Amino acid sequence: MGKKMIKNLAITLLFTLISFTTALADSGGGTKIEKDVNGIKVDLILSGDTVKTGDNMLTIKLYDEKGQPLENANVKVTADMPGNNMDSMNMKDSKPETFDFKAGHEKGEYTGNINFSDKGNWKIKTDFTVKSQEKMADFDVKVVSSGPNWFIIGGFLGAVVLIIIVAGISKNKKKASAA
């Protein structure tokens, strides 16, 4: 009876670890940076808490002075790493990339992917045209290196160890019953 209880406890712990690890992988509610440009509120929303090297989904939301979403805007975003960071990495010839953002799921929302090649301080320049008026908002973003997520790796490692323990208990139980 004691071995069966240990086995059930180990299986329950295994499923708990796997579901907890999956929840950690999906977490990251995002970060919002707000700017006001001549009565128009511009929000830059990052997909996670931090921006990492590689592809990142960014969202721009535009609101008028009454807080109503602005639709049908032409939104272009440029990601540029200021010269002082690039000089130290011998990247003087690197050119900023411009991305056209497409309308998102909500009114006044525009989304796009930006690939950050290096860690450091980046400037996100947002140019948008609303009601035939061109406006601009700049956002400073710190990009960090996208290394491995040790919480997720540790969770899966713990799950593997539990599987080995359960297999060992089952094997010992079969040997004991055979004797």
N, C-alpha and C. Protein backbone atom coordinates (compact mmCIF):
# COMPACT_ATOMS: atom_id res chain seq x y z
N MET A 1 0.83 -1.20 0.00
CA MET A 1 0.00 0.00 0.00
C MET A 1 0.86 1.25 0.00
N GLY A 2 1.99 1.23 0.70
CA GLY A 2 2.85 2.40 0.79
C GLY A 2 3.49 2.75 -0.55
N LYS A 3 3.91 1.72 -1.31
CA LYS A 3 4.53 1.98 -2.62
C LYS A 3 3.52 2.53 -3.61
N LYS A 4 2.27 2.04 -3.53
CA LYS A 4 1.22 2.54 -4.43
C LYS A 4 0.94 4.02 -4.14
N MET A 5 0.93 4.36 -2.86
CA MET A 5 0.69 5.76 -2.49
C MET A 5 1.85 6.65 -2.97
N ILE A 6 3.09 6.17 -2.84
CA ILE A 6 4.25 6.93 -3.32
C ILE A 6 4.18 7.10 -4.83
N LYS A 7 3.78 6.05 -5.53
CA LYS A 7 3.66 6.11 -6.99
C LYS A 7 2.60 7.13 -7.40
N ASN A 8 1.44 7.09 -6.75
CA ASN A 8 0.37 8.05 -7.06
C ASN A 8 0.80 9.48 -6.74
N LEU A 9 1.50 9.64 -5.63
CA LEU A 9 1.99 10.96 -5.26
C LEU A 9 3.00 11.47 -6.29
N ALA A 10 3.89 10.59 -6.74
CA ALA A 10 4.88 10.97 -7.74
C ALA A 10 4.22 11.35 -9.06
N ILE A 11 3.20 10.61 -9.48
CA ILE A 11 2.49 10.92 -10.73
C ILE A 11 1.77 12.25 -10.60
N THR A 12 1.12 12.48 -9.47
CA THR A 12 0.45 13.76 -9.24
C THR A 12 1.44 14.91 -9.26
N LEU A 13 2.58 14.73 -8.61
CA LEU A 13 3.62 15.75 -8.61
C LEU A 13 4.16 16.00 -10.01
N LEU A 14 4.27 14.93 -10.80
CA LEU A 14 4.74 15.05 -12.18
C LEU A 14 3.80 15.93 -13.00
N PHE A 15 2.50 15.65 -12.93
CA PHE A 15 1.54 16.46 -13.68
C PHE A 15 1.51 17.90 -13.19
N THR A 16 1.66 18.10 -11.90
CA THR A 16 1.71 19.46 -11.34
C THR A 16 2.92 20.21 -11.87
N LEU A 17 4.08 19.56 -11.88
CA LEU A 17 5.30 20.19 -12.39
C LEU A 17 5.16 20.56 -13.86
N ILE A 18 4.60 19.65 -14.67
CA ILE A 18 4.44 19.91 -16.10
C ILE A 18 3.49 21.07 -16.33
N SER A 19 2.36 21.10 -15.62
CA SER A 19 1.41 22.19 -15.82
C SER A 19 1.98 23.51 -15.31
N PHE A 20 2.74 23.49 -14.22
CA PHE A 20 3.37 24.71 -13.70
C PHE A 20 4.40 25.24 -14.69
N THR A 21 5.19 24.34 -15.28
CA THR A 21 6.20 24.73 -16.26
C THR A 21 5.54 25.34 -17.49
N THR A 22 4.44 24.76 -17.93
CA THR A 22 3.71 25.29 -19.08
C THR A 22 3.15 26.67 -18.77
N ALA A 23 2.66 26.86 -17.54
CA ALA A 23 2.14 28.18 -17.15
C ALA A 23 3.25 29.22 -17.15
N LEU A 24 4.44 28.84 -16.70
CA LEU A 24 5.58 29.77 -16.73
C LEU A 24 5.95 30.14 -18.16
N ALA A 25 5.86 29.19 -19.07
CA ALA A 25 6.21 29.46 -20.46
C ALA A 25 5.24 30.44 -21.08
N ASP A 26 3.96 30.40 -20.68
CA ASP A 26 2.95 31.27 -21.26
C ASP A 26 2.81 32.60 -20.56
N SER A 27 3.45 32.77 -19.39
CA SER A 27 3.27 34.00 -18.64
C SER A 27 4.01 35.15 -19.29
N GLY A 28 3.75 36.33 -18.87
CA GLY A 28 4.37 37.52 -19.45
C GLY A 28 3.28 38.40 -20.02
N GLY A 29 2.59 39.13 -19.18
CA GLY A 29 1.44 39.90 -19.61
C GLY A 29 1.77 41.05 -20.53
N GLY A 30 2.98 41.48 -20.58
CA GLY A 30 3.34 42.58 -21.45
C GLY A 30 3.57 43.87 -20.67
N THR A 31 4.18 44.81 -21.36
CA THR A 31 4.50 46.10 -20.77
C THR A 31 3.98 47.19 -21.69
N LYS A 32 3.40 48.24 -21.10
CA LYS A 32 2.86 49.34 -21.89
C LYS A 32 3.65 50.61 -21.58
N ILE A 33 4.07 51.30 -22.66
CA ILE A 33 4.74 52.60 -22.53
C ILE A 33 3.84 53.62 -23.21
N GLU A 34 3.51 54.70 -22.49
CA GLU A 34 2.56 55.70 -23.00
C GLU A 34 3.27 56.99 -23.37
N LYS A 35 2.80 57.62 -24.44
CA LYS A 35 3.27 58.94 -24.87
C LYS A 35 2.05 59.77 -25.28
N ASP A 36 2.17 61.09 -25.18
CA ASP A 36 1.13 61.99 -25.64
C ASP A 36 1.74 62.90 -26.71
N VAL A 37 1.15 62.86 -27.92
CA VAL A 37 1.67 63.65 -29.04
C VAL A 37 0.55 64.57 -29.53
N ASN A 38 0.61 65.83 -29.16
CA ASN A 38 -0.36 66.84 -29.60
C ASN A 38 -1.81 66.37 -29.41
N GLY A 39 -2.12 65.86 -28.23
CA GLY A 39 -3.49 65.45 -27.93
C GLY A 39 -3.80 64.01 -28.32
N ILE A 40 -2.90 63.34 -29.00
CA ILE A 40 -3.12 61.94 -29.36
C ILE A 40 -2.29 61.07 -28.43
N LYS A 41 -2.96 60.12 -27.80
CA LYS A 41 -2.27 59.19 -26.89
C LYS A 41 -1.76 58.01 -27.71
N VAL A 42 -0.47 57.73 -27.55
CA VAL A 42 0.17 56.62 -28.27
C VAL A 42 0.70 55.64 -27.23
N ASP A 43 0.26 54.39 -27.31
CA ASP A 43 0.73 53.34 -26.41
C ASP A 43 1.56 52.35 -27.20
N LEU A 44 2.76 52.05 -26.71
CA LEU A 44 3.57 50.97 -27.25
C LEU A 44 3.43 49.82 -26.27
N ILE A 45 2.95 48.68 -26.76
CA ILE A 45 2.73 47.52 -25.90
C ILE A 45 3.67 46.41 -26.36
N LEU A 46 4.52 45.97 -25.43
CA LEU A 46 5.46 44.90 -25.69
C LEU A 46 4.78 43.57 -25.38
N SER A 47 5.11 42.52 -26.11
CA SER A 47 4.45 41.23 -25.92
C SER A 47 4.81 40.60 -24.58
N GLY A 48 5.95 40.92 -24.01
CA GLY A 48 6.36 40.37 -22.71
C GLY A 48 6.81 41.48 -21.79
N ASP A 49 7.36 41.10 -20.65
CA ASP A 49 7.85 42.09 -19.69
C ASP A 49 9.13 42.74 -20.17
N THR A 50 9.89 42.01 -20.99
CA THR A 50 11.14 42.54 -21.53
C THR A 50 11.18 42.28 -23.02
N VAL A 51 12.00 43.06 -23.71
CA VAL A 51 12.24 42.84 -25.13
C VAL A 51 13.54 42.07 -25.24
N LYS A 52 13.53 40.99 -26.01
CA LYS A 52 14.71 40.15 -26.14
C LYS A 52 15.22 40.18 -27.57
N THR A 53 16.49 39.86 -27.74
CA THR A 53 17.03 39.79 -29.09
C THR A 53 16.22 38.77 -29.89
N GLY A 54 16.09 39.03 -31.18
CA GLY A 54 15.28 38.18 -32.05
C GLY A 54 13.94 38.85 -32.32
N ASP A 55 12.98 38.06 -32.80
CA ASP A 55 11.66 38.59 -33.15
C ASP A 55 10.84 38.92 -31.91
N ASN A 56 10.18 40.07 -31.95
CA ASN A 56 9.30 40.52 -30.88
C ASN A 56 8.04 41.10 -31.50
N MET A 57 6.88 40.72 -30.97
CA MET A 57 5.61 41.29 -31.41
C MET A 57 5.38 42.59 -30.64
N LEU A 58 5.17 43.68 -31.37
CA LEU A 58 4.89 44.97 -30.75
C LEU A 58 3.52 45.45 -31.21
N THR A 59 2.84 46.17 -30.35
CA THR A 59 1.53 46.72 -30.66
C THR A 59 1.54 48.21 -30.37
N ILE A 60 0.99 48.98 -31.29
CA ILE A 60 0.80 50.42 -31.12
C ILE A 60 -0.70 50.66 -31.03
N LYS A 61 -1.12 51.41 -30.01
CA LYS A 61 -2.53 51.79 -29.89
C LYS A 61 -2.61 53.31 -29.94
N LEU A 62 -3.54 53.82 -30.73
CA LEU A 62 -3.72 55.26 -30.91
C LEU A 62 -5.10 55.68 -30.42
N TYR A 63 -5.14 56.76 -29.62
CA TYR A 63 -6.40 57.29 -29.08
C TYR A 63 -6.44 58.80 -29.30
N ASP A 64 -7.63 59.34 -29.61
CA ASP A 64 -7.77 60.78 -29.75
C ASP A 64 -7.86 61.45 -28.39
N GLU A 65 -8.06 62.78 -28.39
CA GLU A 65 -8.09 63.53 -27.13
C GLU A 65 -9.26 63.14 -26.22
N LYS A 66 -10.29 62.48 -26.80
CA LYS A 66 -11.43 62.03 -26.00
C LYS A 66 -11.27 60.58 -25.54
N GLY A 67 -10.14 59.96 -25.88
CA GLY A 67 -9.90 58.58 -25.49
C GLY A 67 -10.49 57.55 -26.44
N GLN A 68 -10.98 58.00 -27.58
CA GLN A 68 -11.55 57.08 -28.57
C GLN A 68 -10.44 56.53 -29.47
N PRO A 69 -10.51 55.24 -29.83
CA PRO A 69 -9.48 54.65 -30.69
C PRO A 69 -9.48 55.30 -32.08
N LEU A 70 -8.29 55.49 -32.61
CA LEU A 70 -8.13 56.08 -33.94
C LEU A 70 -7.93 54.97 -34.96
N GLU A 71 -8.87 54.88 -35.90
CA GLU A 71 -8.81 53.84 -36.93
C GLU A 71 -8.22 54.40 -38.22
N ASN A 72 -7.89 53.49 -39.12
CA ASN A 72 -7.41 53.83 -40.46
C ASN A 72 -6.16 54.71 -40.45
N ALA A 73 -5.30 54.50 -39.50
CA ALA A 73 -4.05 55.24 -39.45
C ALA A 73 -2.98 54.47 -40.23
N ASN A 74 -2.07 55.19 -40.81
CA ASN A 74 -0.93 54.59 -41.49
C ASN A 74 0.22 54.62 -40.48
N VAL A 75 0.65 53.45 -40.00
CA VAL A 75 1.64 53.38 -38.94
C VAL A 75 2.92 52.72 -39.45
N LYS A 76 4.03 53.45 -39.32
CA LYS A 76 5.35 52.92 -39.67
C LYS A 76 6.22 53.01 -38.42
N VAL A 77 6.97 51.94 -38.16
CA VAL A 77 7.82 51.87 -36.98
C VAL A 77 9.25 51.60 -37.42
N THR A 78 10.18 52.37 -36.87
CA THR A 78 11.60 52.18 -37.15
C THR A 78 12.31 51.82 -35.85
N ALA A 79 13.08 50.74 -35.91
CA ALA A 79 13.88 50.32 -34.76
C ALA A 79 15.32 50.70 -35.05
N ASP A 80 15.91 51.50 -34.15
CA ASP A 80 17.26 52.00 -34.37
C ASP A 80 18.04 51.91 -33.07
N MET A 81 19.26 51.45 -33.18
CA MET A 81 20.14 51.41 -32.02
C MET A 81 21.02 52.65 -32.09
N PRO A 82 20.93 53.53 -31.09
CA PRO A 82 21.72 54.77 -31.14
C PRO A 82 23.20 54.50 -31.36
N GLY A 83 23.88 55.43 -32.01
CA GLY A 83 25.28 55.29 -32.41
C GLY A 83 26.25 54.95 -31.31
N ASN A 84 26.01 55.45 -30.09
CA ASN A 84 26.99 55.20 -29.03
C ASN A 84 27.10 53.72 -28.68
N ASN A 85 26.02 52.96 -28.78
CA ASN A 85 26.09 51.51 -28.54
C ASN A 85 26.74 50.80 -29.72
N MET A 86 26.45 51.27 -30.92
CA MET A 86 26.92 50.58 -32.12
C MET A 86 28.41 50.83 -32.35
N ASP A 87 28.91 51.99 -31.97
CA ASP A 87 30.33 52.27 -32.18
C ASP A 87 31.20 51.27 -31.42
N SER A 88 30.77 50.91 -30.22
CA SER A 88 31.57 50.00 -29.40
C SER A 88 31.54 48.58 -29.95
N MET A 89 30.57 48.26 -30.80
CA MET A 89 30.48 46.92 -31.36
C MET A 89 30.90 46.88 -32.83
N ASN A 90 31.50 47.96 -33.33
CA ASN A 90 31.94 48.05 -34.71
C ASN A 90 30.79 47.79 -35.69
N MET A 91 29.65 48.41 -35.44
CA MET A 91 28.49 48.22 -36.31
C MET A 91 28.06 49.55 -36.91
N LYS A 92 29.01 50.37 -37.30
CA LYS A 92 28.69 51.71 -37.80
C LYS A 92 27.87 51.68 -39.08
N ASP A 93 28.00 50.60 -39.87
CA ASP A 93 27.29 50.53 -41.15
C ASP A 93 25.88 49.98 -41.03
N SER A 94 25.46 49.61 -39.84
CA SER A 94 24.13 49.05 -39.64
C SER A 94 23.09 50.15 -39.86
N LYS A 95 22.02 49.79 -40.61
CA LYS A 95 20.96 50.76 -40.91
C LYS A 95 19.69 50.37 -40.17
N PRO A 96 18.94 51.36 -39.71
CA PRO A 96 17.68 51.04 -39.04
C PRO A 96 16.68 50.46 -40.04
N GLU A 97 15.83 49.56 -39.55
CA GLU A 97 14.80 48.96 -40.39
C GLU A 97 13.46 49.60 -40.08
N THR A 98 12.65 49.77 -41.14
CA THR A 98 11.32 50.33 -40.99
C THR A 98 10.29 49.25 -41.26
N PHE A 99 9.26 49.19 -40.43
CA PHE A 99 8.22 48.17 -40.53
C PHE A 99 6.87 48.85 -40.64
N ASP A 100 6.03 48.38 -41.57
CA ASP A 100 4.64 48.83 -41.64
C ASP A 100 3.82 47.97 -40.71
N PHE A 101 3.12 48.60 -39.79
CA PHE A 101 2.27 47.85 -38.86
C PHE A 101 0.88 47.75 -39.47
N LYS A 102 0.25 46.60 -39.28
CA LYS A 102 -1.09 46.33 -39.80
C LYS A 102 -2.12 46.50 -38.70
N ALA A 103 -3.36 46.76 -39.10
CA ALA A 103 -4.45 46.91 -38.13
C ALA A 103 -4.59 45.62 -37.34
N GLY A 104 -4.78 45.76 -36.02
CA GLY A 104 -4.91 44.61 -35.13
C GLY A 104 -6.36 44.19 -34.96
N HIS A 105 -6.63 43.44 -33.89
CA HIS A 105 -7.96 42.91 -33.62
C HIS A 105 -8.91 43.97 -33.07
N GLU A 106 -8.37 44.96 -32.38
CA GLU A 106 -9.20 45.99 -31.78
C GLU A 106 -9.10 47.28 -32.57
N LYS A 107 -10.08 48.16 -32.39
CA LYS A 107 -10.04 49.47 -33.04
C LYS A 107 -8.87 50.27 -32.50
N GLY A 108 -8.15 50.95 -33.38
CA GLY A 108 -7.04 51.79 -32.97
C GLY A 108 -5.77 51.02 -32.64
N GLU A 109 -5.75 49.72 -32.93
CA GLU A 109 -4.60 48.87 -32.61
C GLU A 109 -3.86 48.49 -33.90
N TYR A 110 -2.53 48.56 -33.84
CA TYR A 110 -1.69 48.23 -34.99
C TYR A 110 -0.54 47.36 -34.49
N THR A 111 -0.29 46.23 -35.18
CA THR A 111 0.70 45.27 -34.71
C THR A 111 1.74 44.95 -35.78
N GLY A 112 2.89 44.51 -35.31
CA GLY A 112 3.96 44.09 -36.21
C GLY A 112 5.08 43.41 -35.45
N ASN A 113 5.91 42.67 -36.18
CA ASN A 113 7.07 42.00 -35.60
C ASN A 113 8.32 42.80 -35.91
N ILE A 114 9.17 42.94 -34.92
CA ILE A 114 10.45 43.61 -35.11
C ILE A 114 11.54 42.66 -34.62
N ASN A 115 12.60 42.53 -35.42
CA ASN A 115 13.72 41.69 -35.05
C ASN A 115 14.84 42.57 -34.53
N PHE A 116 15.17 42.41 -33.25
CA PHE A 116 16.27 43.14 -32.64
C PHE A 116 17.53 42.27 -32.73
N SER A 117 18.53 42.77 -33.43
CA SER A 117 19.73 41.98 -33.69
C SER A 117 20.70 41.93 -32.51
N ASP A 118 20.70 42.96 -31.67
CA ASP A 118 21.66 43.04 -30.57
C ASP A 118 20.98 43.52 -29.30
N LYS A 119 21.61 43.16 -28.17
CA LYS A 119 21.11 43.67 -26.89
C LYS A 119 21.64 45.09 -26.70
N GLY A 120 20.93 45.84 -25.89
CA GLY A 120 21.32 47.22 -25.61
C GLY A 120 20.11 48.14 -25.66
N ASN A 121 20.38 49.44 -25.70
CA ASN A 121 19.30 50.44 -25.74
C ASN A 121 18.93 50.73 -27.19
N TRP A 122 17.63 50.61 -27.49
CA TRP A 122 17.11 50.85 -28.82
C TRP A 122 16.09 51.98 -28.76
N LYS A 123 15.93 52.68 -29.86
CA LYS A 123 14.90 53.71 -29.99
C LYS A 123 13.87 53.21 -31.00
N ILE A 124 12.62 53.15 -30.57
CA ILE A 124 11.51 52.78 -31.44
C ILE A 124 10.85 54.08 -31.90
N LYS A 125 11.00 54.40 -33.17
CA LYS A 125 10.42 55.63 -33.73
C LYS A 125 9.12 55.26 -34.45
N THR A 126 8.04 55.85 -34.01
CA THR A 126 6.73 55.57 -34.56
C THR A 126 6.23 56.77 -35.34
N ASP A 127 6.03 56.59 -36.63
CA ASP A 127 5.45 57.62 -37.49
C ASP A 127 4.05 57.17 -37.87
N PHE A 128 3.08 58.05 -37.68
CA PHE A 128 1.71 57.67 -38.04
C PHE A 128 0.99 58.87 -38.63
N THR A 129 0.10 58.56 -39.56
CA THR A 129 -0.71 59.59 -40.21
C THR A 129 -2.16 59.38 -39.81
N VAL A 130 -2.74 60.40 -39.18
CA VAL A 130 -4.12 60.35 -38.74
C VAL A 130 -4.81 61.61 -39.24
N LYS A 131 -5.92 61.42 -39.94
CA LYS A 131 -6.69 62.56 -40.49
C LYS A 131 -5.77 63.50 -41.26
N SER A 132 -4.96 62.94 -42.13
CA SER A 132 -4.03 63.67 -43.02
C SER A 132 -2.96 64.45 -42.27
N GLN A 133 -2.76 64.17 -41.01
CA GLN A 133 -1.71 64.82 -40.23
C GLN A 133 -0.66 63.79 -39.84
N GLU A 134 0.61 64.11 -40.15
CA GLU A 134 1.69 63.19 -39.80
C GLU A 134 2.21 63.53 -38.42
N LYS A 135 2.35 62.50 -37.59
CA LYS A 135 2.83 62.69 -36.22
C LYS A 135 3.90 61.64 -35.94
N MET A 136 4.66 61.87 -34.85
CA MET A 136 5.74 60.97 -34.51
C MET A 136 5.87 60.83 -32.99
N ALA A 137 6.16 59.61 -32.54
CA ALA A 137 6.42 59.35 -31.12
C ALA A 137 7.63 58.42 -31.03
N ASP A 138 8.55 58.74 -30.12
CA ASP A 138 9.74 57.91 -29.90
C ASP A 138 9.64 57.22 -28.55
N PHE A 139 10.07 55.96 -28.53
CA PHE A 139 10.07 55.16 -27.30
C PHE A 139 11.47 54.58 -27.11
N ASP A 140 11.97 54.64 -25.88
CA ASP A 140 13.25 54.01 -25.56
C ASP A 140 12.97 52.63 -24.97
N VAL A 141 13.66 51.63 -25.55
CA VAL A 141 13.45 50.25 -25.13
C VAL A 141 14.81 49.60 -24.88
N LYS A 142 14.90 48.87 -23.78
CA LYS A 142 16.13 48.12 -23.48
C LYS A 142 15.92 46.68 -23.94
N VAL A 143 16.81 46.21 -24.80
CA VAL A 143 16.74 44.85 -25.33
C VAL A 143 17.77 43.99 -24.58
N VAL A 144 17.31 42.85 -24.07
CA VAL A 144 18.19 41.93 -23.35
C VAL A 144 18.44 40.69 -24.20
N SER A 145 19.47 39.98 -23.86
CA SER A 145 19.82 38.76 -24.58
C SER A 145 18.77 37.69 -24.34
N SER A 146 18.44 36.97 -25.38
CA SER A 146 17.42 35.91 -25.24
C SER A 146 18.11 34.58 -24.98
N GLY A 147 18.43 34.37 -23.74
CA GLY A 147 19.07 33.12 -23.33
C GLY A 147 18.02 32.10 -22.97
N PRO A 148 18.44 30.93 -22.49
CA PRO A 148 17.47 29.90 -22.13
C PRO A 148 16.68 30.28 -20.88
N ASN A 149 15.45 29.79 -20.80
CA ASN A 149 14.61 30.02 -19.64
C ASN A 149 14.84 28.88 -18.66
N TRP A 150 15.60 29.15 -17.60
CA TRP A 150 16.01 28.11 -16.67
C TRP A 150 14.86 27.56 -15.84
N PHE A 151 13.80 28.34 -15.65
CA PHE A 151 12.64 27.83 -14.92
C PHE A 151 11.98 26.69 -15.70
N ILE A 152 11.83 26.89 -16.99
CA ILE A 152 11.20 25.86 -17.82
C ILE A 152 12.09 24.64 -17.93
N ILE A 153 13.38 24.85 -18.15
CA ILE A 153 14.31 23.73 -18.24
C ILE A 153 14.34 22.94 -16.93
N GLY A 154 14.37 23.65 -15.79
CA GLY A 154 14.35 22.99 -14.48
C GLY A 154 13.08 22.21 -14.25
N GLY A 155 11.94 22.75 -14.68
CA GLY A 155 10.67 22.05 -14.53
C GLY A 155 10.64 20.75 -15.30
N PHE A 156 11.12 20.79 -16.54
CA PHE A 156 11.15 19.56 -17.33
C PHE A 156 12.17 18.57 -16.78
N LEU A 157 13.29 19.07 -16.29
CA LEU A 157 14.28 18.20 -15.68
C LEU A 157 13.68 17.50 -14.45
N GLY A 158 12.94 18.25 -13.64
CA GLY A 158 12.26 17.67 -12.48
C GLY A 158 11.25 16.61 -12.90
N ALA A 159 10.53 16.85 -13.99
CA ALA A 159 9.57 15.87 -14.49
C ALA A 159 10.28 14.59 -14.93
N VAL A 160 11.41 14.72 -15.60
CA VAL A 160 12.18 13.54 -16.03
C VAL A 160 12.66 12.75 -14.83
N VAL A 161 13.16 13.44 -13.80
CA VAL A 161 13.62 12.76 -12.59
C VAL A 161 12.47 12.00 -11.94
N LEU A 162 11.29 12.60 -11.89
CA LEU A 162 10.13 11.91 -11.32
C LEU A 162 9.75 10.67 -12.13
N ILE A 163 9.84 10.75 -13.43
CA ILE A 163 9.53 9.59 -14.27
C ILE A 163 10.51 8.46 -13.97
N ILE A 164 11.77 8.80 -13.82
CA ILE A 164 12.78 7.78 -13.49
C ILE A 164 12.49 7.16 -12.12
N ILE A 165 12.11 7.96 -11.14
CA ILE A 165 11.80 7.45 -9.80
C ILE A 165 10.60 6.52 -9.87
N VAL A 166 9.55 6.91 -10.58
CA VAL A 166 8.35 6.07 -10.70
C VAL A 166 8.70 4.75 -11.39
N ALA A 167 9.54 4.83 -12.44
CA ALA A 167 9.94 3.60 -13.15
C ALA A 167 10.74 2.70 -12.22
N GLY A 168 11.63 3.28 -11.41
CA GLY A 168 12.41 2.49 -10.45
C GLY A 168 11.53 1.82 -9.42
N ILE A 169 10.54 2.53 -8.89
CA ILE A 169 9.62 1.95 -7.91
C ILE A 169 8.82 0.82 -8.54
N SER A 170 8.35 1.02 -9.76
CA SER A 170 7.58 -0.02 -10.45
C SER A 170 8.42 -1.25 -10.69
N LYS A 171 9.67 -1.06 -11.08
CA LYS A 171 10.58 -2.19 -11.34
C LYS A 171 10.84 -2.97 -10.05
N ASN A 172 11.09 -2.26 -8.95
CA ASN A 172 11.33 -2.93 -7.66
C ASN A 172 10.08 -3.70 -7.21
N LYS A 173 8.91 -3.14 -7.48
CA LYS A 173 7.67 -3.81 -7.10
C LYS A 173 7.51 -5.10 -7.88
N LYS A 174 7.85 -5.10 -9.17
CA LYS A 174 7.74 -6.30 -10.00
C LYS A 174 8.74 -7.35 -9.54
N LYS A 175 9.96 -6.96 -9.18
CA LYS A 175 10.98 -7.90 -8.70
C LYS A 175 10.52 -8.54 -7.39
N ALA A 176 9.94 -7.73 -6.49
CA ALA A 176 9.49 -8.23 -5.19
C ALA A 176 8.33 -9.22 -5.35
N SER A 177 7.42 -8.96 -6.28
CA SER A 177 6.29 -9.85 -6.48
C SER A 177 6.70 -11.12 -7.20
N ALA A 178 7.79 -11.10 -8.00
CA ALA A 178 8.28 -12.28 -8.71
C ALA A 178 9.00 -13.23 -7.77
N ALA A 179 9.58 -12.72 -6.69
CA ALA A 179 10.37 -13.56 -5.79
C ALA A 179 9.56 -14.36 -4.84
